[in-house]
Amino acid sequence: METTAGVQHLPRRSTRIRAQIPLRVTSLDPAVTLSESCHTLVVNQHGCGVRLSLPLEPGLSVRLDELPDGSSVTARVASSIPLGAGNKYWLVGLALDQAGNVWRICPAPADWGVAPSHMPRVTTPAIPAKKNEWPYSQFSTRGEFH
């Protein structure tokens, strides 16, 4: 049985938001064949978590294509965690090589900084909170969206 005693929880560098944003993840390592369409589960200014059909080695360089404005960015795999029994899907954490609001979230949390005015933005609608739905316009002070 694992214990969390002694584990330090560092504050997040930027607020995490639950969002399903479609994109394509492609390996930049010629030894790893991967080009998979997927969507984000969570995003922040420094990266995202995506659901993929296979685990990836931490440190692997990838390109994220088909972002909301049609651009591409590079990232590195930070982690791969199996989702559920059977290892059918993996939660893969990706750290952006250059932090920023590549997800075009608007309004963005205050700790994401100010987005340039020329940047196309994805507007997050103010949706009333309902059971099993996320109120996208609310942000907590804990560094995670609830």
Protein backbone atom coordinates (compact mmCIF):
# COMPACT_ATOMS: atom_id res chain seq x y z
CA MET A 1 0.00 0.00 0.00
CA GLU A 2 1.37 3.38 -0.98
CA THR A 3 1.47 6.35 1.32
CA THR A 4 1.59 10.01 0.43
CA ALA A 5 3.42 10.97 3.61
CA GLY A 6 6.56 12.86 2.70
CA VAL A 7 5.32 13.71 -0.81
CA GLN A 8 5.66 17.43 -1.51
CA HIS A 9 2.96 19.03 -3.60
CA LEU A 10 4.43 21.98 -5.47
CA PRO A 11 2.10 24.67 -6.79
CA ARG A 12 1.29 24.45 -10.48
CA ARG A 13 3.09 26.82 -12.82
CA SER A 14 -0.23 27.73 -14.43
CA THR A 15 -3.90 26.89 -13.94
CA ARG A 16 -5.03 23.60 -15.45
CA ILE A 17 -8.30 23.57 -17.42
CA ARG A 18 -10.32 20.53 -18.49
CA ALA A 19 -10.87 20.92 -22.22
CA GLN A 20 -11.32 18.62 -25.21
CA ILE A 21 -9.33 20.20 -28.00
CA PRO A 22 -8.70 18.04 -31.08
CA LEU A 23 -5.11 17.74 -32.30
CA ARG A 24 -2.61 15.35 -33.89
CA VAL A 25 0.45 14.06 -32.01
CA THR A 26 3.40 13.04 -34.23
CA SER A 27 6.75 11.66 -33.08
CA LEU A 28 9.80 13.65 -34.16
CA ASP A 29 12.04 10.63 -33.48
CA PRO A 30 12.44 8.54 -36.67
CA ALA A 31 12.75 5.40 -34.51
CA VAL A 32 9.23 5.89 -33.08
CA THR A 33 6.36 5.58 -35.53
CA LEU A 34 3.48 7.64 -34.21
CA SER A 35 1.00 10.02 -35.77
CA GLU A 36 -2.31 9.85 -33.94
CA SER A 37 -5.35 12.10 -33.88
CA CYS A 38 -6.62 12.62 -30.36
CA HIS A 39 -7.94 15.34 -28.07
CA THR A 40 -6.73 16.97 -24.91
CA LEU A 41 -8.21 16.08 -21.54
CA VAL A 42 -6.54 18.94 -19.64
CA VAL A 43 -4.51 21.94 -20.78
CA ASN A 44 -2.44 24.67 -19.20
CA GLN A 45 0.08 27.24 -20.38
CA HIS A 46 2.91 24.69 -20.13
CA GLY A 47 1.37 21.61 -21.74
CA CYS A 48 -1.50 19.18 -21.81
CA GLY A 49 -2.68 15.68 -21.10
CA VAL A 50 -3.95 13.63 -24.06
CA ARG A 51 -5.46 10.16 -24.38
CA LEU A 52 -3.46 7.94 -26.74
CA SER A 53 -3.68 4.27 -27.69
CA LEU A 54 -0.07 3.56 -26.63
CA PRO A 55 2.40 4.78 -24.01
CA LEU A 56 5.30 7.03 -24.98
CA GLU A 57 8.73 7.24 -23.37
CA PRO A 58 9.37 10.34 -21.26
CA GLY A 59 11.61 12.78 -23.11
CA LEU A 60 10.34 11.81 -26.59
CA SER A 61 10.01 14.89 -28.83
CA VAL A 62 6.62 15.28 -30.52
CA ARG A 63 4.86 17.81 -32.71
CA LEU A 64 1.29 18.89 -31.95
CA ASP A 65 -0.54 19.70 -35.17
CA GLU A 66 -4.03 20.94 -36.01
CA LEU A 67 -4.24 23.29 -33.03
CA PRO A 68 -7.26 25.64 -32.85
CA ASP A 69 -5.62 28.22 -35.14
CA GLY A 70 -4.15 25.59 -37.49
CA SER A 71 -0.61 25.99 -36.18
CA SER A 72 1.88 23.42 -34.83
CA VAL A 73 4.10 23.41 -31.73
CA THR A 74 6.69 21.03 -30.34
CA ALA A 75 6.62 19.32 -26.96
CA ARG A 76 8.25 16.54 -24.97
CA VAL A 77 6.57 13.58 -23.30
CA ALA A 78 6.53 14.09 -19.53
CA SER A 79 4.62 10.94 -18.49
CA SER A 80 2.49 8.01 -19.65
CA ILE A 81 -0.08 6.54 -17.28
CA PRO A 82 -2.45 3.65 -18.14
CA LEU A 83 -6.14 4.56 -18.03
CA GLY A 84 -8.12 1.72 -16.49
CA ALA A 85 -7.55 -2.01 -16.75
CA GLY A 86 -6.21 -3.60 -19.91
CA ASN A 87 -3.92 -0.74 -20.95
CA LYS A 88 -6.17 0.10 -23.92
CA TYR A 89 -5.59 3.84 -23.48
CA TRP A 90 -2.88 5.97 -21.89
CA LEU A 91 -2.92 9.43 -20.38
CA VAL A 92 0.18 11.04 -21.87
CA GLY A 93 1.45 14.27 -20.36
CA LEU A 94 3.09 16.62 -22.86
CA ALA A 95 5.27 19.60 -21.86
CA LEU A 96 5.36 22.38 -24.45
CA ASP A 97 8.85 23.44 -25.55
CA GLN A 98 7.63 27.06 -25.46
CA ALA A 99 4.91 27.93 -22.92
CA GLY A 100 1.90 29.90 -24.08
CA ASN A 101 -1.82 29.88 -24.72
CA VAL A 102 -1.56 27.69 -27.83
CA TRP A 103 -5.04 26.38 -26.96
CA ARG A 104 -6.54 29.87 -27.60
CA ILE A 105 -8.55 29.73 -24.36
CA CYS A 106 -10.46 32.98 -23.79
CA PRO A 107 -10.88 34.19 -21.18
CA ALA A 108 -7.62 32.67 -19.99
CA PRO A 109 -6.79 32.37 -16.28
CA ALA A 110 -4.91 35.36 -14.90
CA ASP A 111 -1.72 33.34 -14.36
CA TRP A 112 -1.52 32.56 -18.10
CA GLY A 113 -0.57 36.16 -18.88
CA VAL A 114 -2.13 38.40 -21.50
CA ALA A 115 -2.75 37.00 -24.96
CA PRO A 116 -1.64 39.14 -27.91
CA SER A 117 -4.60 40.92 -29.52
CA HIS A 118 -3.71 39.60 -32.99
CA MET A 119 -4.05 35.98 -31.84
CA PRO A 120 -7.21 34.12 -32.95
CA ARG A 121 -9.03 32.96 -29.85
CA VAL A 122 -11.36 30.15 -28.85
CA THR A 123 -14.09 31.59 -26.65
CA THR A 124 -15.17 29.46 -23.71
CA PRO A 125 -18.93 29.92 -23.27
CA ALA A 126 -20.40 30.63 -19.83
CA ILE A 127 -22.40 27.45 -19.29
CA PRO A 128 -24.49 27.04 -16.15
CA ALA A 129 -23.16 24.24 -13.95
CA LYS A 130 -25.13 21.01 -14.33
CA LYS A 131 -24.49 17.57 -12.98
CA ASN A 132 -21.58 15.91 -14.84
CA GLU A 133 -20.76 19.09 -16.78
CA TRP A 134 -17.86 21.50 -16.35
CA PRO A 135 -18.53 25.21 -15.83
CA TYR A 136 -15.76 26.39 -18.18
CA SER A 137 -15.85 29.99 -17.00
CA GLN A 138 -14.78 29.27 -13.41
CA PHE A 139 -11.24 28.94 -12.10
CA SER A 140 -10.10 28.00 -8.62
CA THR A 141 -7.32 29.54 -6.60
CA ARG A 142 -5.76 26.06 -6.20
CA GLY A 143 -4.37 26.08 -9.72
CA GLU A 144 -6.94 23.65 -11.12
CA PHE A 145 -10.24 24.21 -12.80
CA HIS A 146 -13.28 22.75 -10.97
